[in-house]
Each structure stands twice: as structure tokens, then as C-alpha cells.
C-alpha atoms as a PDB file:
ATOM      1  CA  MET A   1      41.638  21.772  66.986  1.00  0.00           C
ATOM      2  CA  ARG A   2      42.972  18.242  66.631  1.00  0.00           C
ATOM      3  CA  THR A   3      41.092  17.132  69.780  1.00  0.00           C
ATOM      4  CA  VAL A   4      37.838  18.563  68.419  1.00  0.00           C
ATOM      5  CA  LEU A   5      38.355  16.809  65.079  1.00  0.00           C
ATOM      6  CA  THR A   6      39.144  13.492  66.803  1.00  0.00           C
ATOM      7  CA  ALA A   7      36.037  13.822  68.976  1.00  0.00           C
ATOM      8  CA  PHE A   8      33.915  14.620  65.912  1.00  0.00           C
ATOM      9  CA  VAL A   9      35.210  11.601  63.967  1.00  0.00           C
ATOM     10  CA  ALA A  10      34.738   9.304  66.969  1.00  0.00           C
ATOM     11  CA  GLY A  11      31.215  10.645  67.521  1.00  0.00           C
ATOM     12  CA  ALA A  12      30.297  10.170  63.862  1.00  0.00           C
ATOM     13  CA  ALA A  13      31.588   6.597  63.920  1.00  0.00           C
ATOM     14  CA  LEU A  14      29.578   5.871  67.077  1.00  0.00           C
ATOM     15  CA  ALA A  15      26.425   7.357  65.523  1.00  0.00           C
ATOM     16  CA  CYS A  16      26.822   5.045  62.518  1.00  0.00           C
ATOM     17  CA  VAL A  17      27.007   2.028  64.808  1.00  0.00           C
ATOM     18  CA  ILE A  18      24.087   3.054  67.041  1.00  0.00           C
ATOM     19  CA  ALA A  19      21.618   4.498  64.495  1.00  0.00           C
ATOM     20  CA  PRO A  20      19.833   1.881  62.364  1.00  0.00           C
ATOM     21  CA  SER A  21      19.845   2.440  58.641  1.00  0.00           C
ATOM     22  CA  VAL A  22      16.703   4.137  57.359  1.00  0.00           C
ATOM     23  CA  ALA A  23      16.896   1.925  54.266  1.00  0.00           C
ATOM     24  CA  GLN A  24      16.918  -1.218  56.404  1.00  0.00           C
ATOM     25  CA  LYS A  25      14.255  -3.652  55.178  1.00  0.00           C
ATOM     26  CA  THR A  26      11.927  -5.712  57.317  1.00  0.00           C
ATOM     27  CA  ALA A  27      10.920  -9.306  56.558  1.00  0.00           C
ATOM     28  CA  ILE A  28       7.587 -10.631  57.817  1.00  0.00           C
ATOM     29  CA  PRO A  29       6.562 -14.320  57.615  1.00  0.00           C
ATOM     30  CA  VAL A  30       3.131 -15.635  56.605  1.00  0.00           C
ATOM     31  CA  THR A  31       2.522 -19.358  56.991  1.00  0.00           C
ATOM     32  CA  ILE A  32       0.272 -21.533  54.875  1.00  0.00           C
ATOM     33  CA  ASP A  33      -1.151 -24.431  56.865  1.00  0.00           C
ATOM     34  CA  ASN A  34      -4.480 -26.301  56.893  1.00  0.00           C
ATOM     35  CA  PHE A  35      -5.682 -24.261  53.882  1.00  0.00           C
ATOM     36  CA  VAL A  36      -5.204 -20.954  55.775  1.00  0.00           C
ATOM     37  CA  PHE A  37      -2.850 -17.986  55.426  1.00  0.00           C
ATOM     38  CA  SER A  38      -1.663 -16.925  58.885  1.00  0.00           C
ATOM     39  CA  PRO A  39      -1.909 -14.118  59.703  1.00  0.00           C
ATOM     40  CA  GLU A  40      -4.823 -13.608  57.349  1.00  0.00           C
ATOM     41  CA  ARG A  41      -4.534  -9.791  57.531  1.00  0.00           C
ATOM     42  CA  LEU A  42      -1.221  -8.007  57.944  1.00  0.00           C
ATOM     43  CA  THR A  43      -0.275  -4.310  58.090  1.00  0.00           C
ATOM     44  CA  VAL A  44       3.272  -3.387  57.055  1.00  0.00           C
ATOM     45  CA  LYS A  45       5.327  -0.355  56.009  1.00  0.00           C
ATOM     46  CA  VAL A  46       6.519   0.411  52.476  1.00  0.00           C
ATOM     47  CA  GLY A  47       9.733  -1.537  51.818  1.00  0.00           C
ATOM     48  CA  THR A  48       8.683  -4.571  53.848  1.00  0.00           C
ATOM     49  CA  THR A  49       9.228  -8.022  52.388  1.00  0.00           C
ATOM     50  CA  VAL A  50       6.542 -10.596  53.153  1.00  0.00           C
ATOM     51  CA  THR A  51       7.562 -14.251  52.839  1.00  0.00           C
ATOM     52  CA  TRP A  52       4.876 -16.918  52.507  1.00  0.00           C
ATOM     53  CA  THR A  53       5.921 -20.487  53.399  1.00  0.00           C
ATOM     54  CA  ASN A  54       3.773 -23.502  52.599  1.00  0.00           C
ATOM     55  CA  HIS A  55       3.604 -25.903  55.552  1.00  0.00           C
ATOM     56  CA  ASP A  56       0.681 -27.871  54.091  1.00  0.00           C
ATOM     57  CA  ASP A  57       1.071 -31.344  52.619  1.00  0.00           C
ATOM     58  CA  ILE A  58      -0.334 -30.154  49.288  1.00  0.00           C
ATOM     59  CA  PRO A  59       0.736 -27.401  46.876  1.00  0.00           C
ATOM     60  CA  HIS A  60      -0.452 -23.782  47.138  1.00  0.00           C
ATOM     61  CA  THR A  61       0.152 -20.446  45.426  1.00  0.00           C
ATOM     62  CA  VAL A  62       0.006 -16.800  46.431  1.00  0.00           C
ATOM     63  CA  ALA A  63      -1.597 -14.503  43.849  1.00  0.00           C
ATOM     64  CA  ALA A  64      -2.633 -10.861  44.257  1.00  0.00           C
ATOM     65  CA  LYS A  65      -6.166 -10.144  43.119  1.00  0.00           C
ATOM     66  CA  GLU A  66      -4.932  -7.045  41.240  1.00  0.00           C
ATOM     67  CA  ARG A  67      -1.923  -8.973  39.799  1.00  0.00           C
ATOM     68  CA  ALA A  68       0.799  -7.135  41.745  1.00  0.00           C
ATOM     69  CA  PHE A  69       2.493 -10.473  42.503  1.00  0.00           C
ATOM     70  CA  LYS A  70       2.090 -14.185  41.850  1.00  0.00           C
ATOM     71  CA  SER A  71       4.105 -17.146  43.093  1.00  0.00           C
ATOM     72  CA  LYS A  72       4.840 -20.370  41.327  1.00  0.00           C
ATOM     73  CA  VAL A  73       3.175 -23.471  42.770  1.00  0.00           C
ATOM     74  CA  MET A  74       4.833 -24.099  46.147  1.00  0.00           C
ATOM     75  CA  ASP A  75       5.235 -27.618  47.495  1.00  0.00           C
ATOM     76  CA  THR A  76       5.644 -28.350  51.211  1.00  0.00           C
ATOM     77  CA  ASP A  77       8.195 -26.025  52.889  1.00  0.00           C
ATOM     78  CA  GLU A  78       8.755 -23.929  49.764  1.00  0.00           C
ATOM     79  CA  SER A  79       8.538 -20.129  50.036  1.00  0.00           C
ATOM     80  CA  PHE A  80       7.691 -17.047  48.009  1.00  0.00           C
ATOM     81  CA  ALA A  81       8.714 -13.492  48.921  1.00  0.00           C
ATOM     82  CA  PHE A  82       7.499 -10.104  47.700  1.00  0.00           C
ATOM     83  CA  THR A  83       8.683  -6.614  48.713  1.00  0.00           C
ATOM     84  CA  PHE A  84       5.912  -4.024  48.909  1.00  0.00           C
ATOM     85  CA  ALA A  85       7.088  -0.724  47.392  1.00  0.00           C
ATOM     86  CA  THR A  86       3.700   0.979  46.977  1.00  0.00           C
ATOM     87  CA  PRO A  87       1.161   1.818  49.703  1.00  0.00           C
ATOM     88  CA  GLY A  88      -2.275   0.247  49.419  1.00  0.00           C
ATOM     89  CA  GLU A  89      -4.339  -2.797  50.260  1.00  0.00           C
ATOM     90  CA  TYR A  90      -3.379  -6.038  48.533  1.00  0.00           C
ATOM     91  CA  THR A  91      -5.922  -8.863  48.604  1.00  0.00           C
ATOM     92  CA  TYR A  92      -4.474 -12.229  47.633  1.00  0.00           C
ATOM     93  CA  PHE A  93      -5.565 -15.858  47.314  1.00  0.00           C
ATOM     94  CA  CYS A  94      -4.346 -19.338  46.428  1.00  0.00           C
ATOM     95  CA  SER A  95      -5.085 -19.874  42.730  1.00  0.00           C
ATOM     96  CA  LEU A  96      -5.432 -23.632  43.359  1.00  0.00           C
ATOM     97  CA  HIS A  97      -7.825 -23.118  46.292  1.00  0.00           C
ATOM     98  CA  PRO A  98      -9.564 -19.725  45.767  1.00  0.00           C
ATOM     99  CA  HIS A  99     -11.374 -19.901  49.110  1.00  0.00           C
ATOM    100  CA  MET A 100      -7.971 -19.286  50.742  1.00  0.00           C
ATOM    101  CA  THR A 101      -7.582 -15.500  51.014  1.00  0.00           C
ATOM    102  CA  GLY A 102      -5.500 -12.908  52.800  1.00  0.00           C
ATOM    103  CA  THR A 103      -4.828  -9.171  52.853  1.00  0.00           C
ATOM    104  CA  ILE A 104      -1.666  -7.094  53.154  1.00  0.00           C
ATOM    105  CA  VAL A 105      -2.153  -3.410  54.029  1.00  0.00           C
ATOM    106  CA  VAL A 106       0.914  -1.330  53.137  1.00  0.00           C
ATOM    107  CA  GLU A 107       1.294   1.996  54.921  1.00  0.00           C
ATOM    108  CA  GLY A 108       2.911   4.888  53.114  1.00  0.00           C
ATOM    109  CA  THR A 109       5.942   5.641  55.277  1.00  0.00           C
ATOM    110  CA  ALA A 110       9.128   3.605  55.130  1.00  0.00           C
ATOM    111  CA  GLY A 111      10.364   2.014  58.306  1.00  0.00           C
ATOM    112  CA  SER A 112      10.463  -1.195  60.223  1.00  0.00           C
ATOM    113  CA  GLY A 113       7.791  -3.197  61.907  1.00  0.00           C
ATOM    114  CA  ALA A 114       4.419  -4.669  61.215  1.00  0.00           C
ATOM    115  CA  THR A 115       1.169  -5.230  63.006  1.00  0.00           C
ATOM    116  CA  GLN A 116      -1.155  -8.156  62.779  1.00  0.00           C
END
């Protein structure tokens, strides 16, 4: 019985090391450069954090059209992050330069990964 218990405990410990956590979050970068969000359209899973970083020489913002999120004004190399908890399509823009637009599509199942 002791051997079986030891094997069970060892197996459970190994499974914890090998299996990734279901609650593990994914972070996806979006760059702002030359008045463009890149990638302009991004598909992610619920629970994913998207981080926008301004690499332009002038300030920019990130603001969701439906007001789900809004950054402060970001100077060069500053970032803004938002974690998407609800499935849907989020259209966003720079409030200083409204011609700059992007879209995040959030799929309903939790998990890791994203497609561009």
C-alpha cells in the first residue's frame, strides 16, 4: 500500500509540473509606430492581456469605441495594458489621431494563444 501511495504522490507532483495552469494568462504586444497599430486586427482568447507600446516620437492613446478601456496619453516607449474578460469585438482608436484604428476579437473560451 505504501508503494502505491508513494507512486500516486510522485505522479501527482509530476502532473503539476508538466500540465500548464488553465488559469495561466497570455500577454500579446501591439506596437504603435508611424501612426499605425500593429497588428491592426488581433484575435485572442478570454483572459488575454494586450499591451500597447508607443514607439512613435509623438504621444498616442488607446481608446475603445464602446468605452471598455481607455489609456492615458502615452509618450514614446510608454505602454498600456488591458485584460479582455468578455468575448466580443473591440474596435479602438487613438483619441489624438482618430484615423488610427484597430480591432481586438476576443473568443469565448479561456486558454493561451492568439492569431493575427
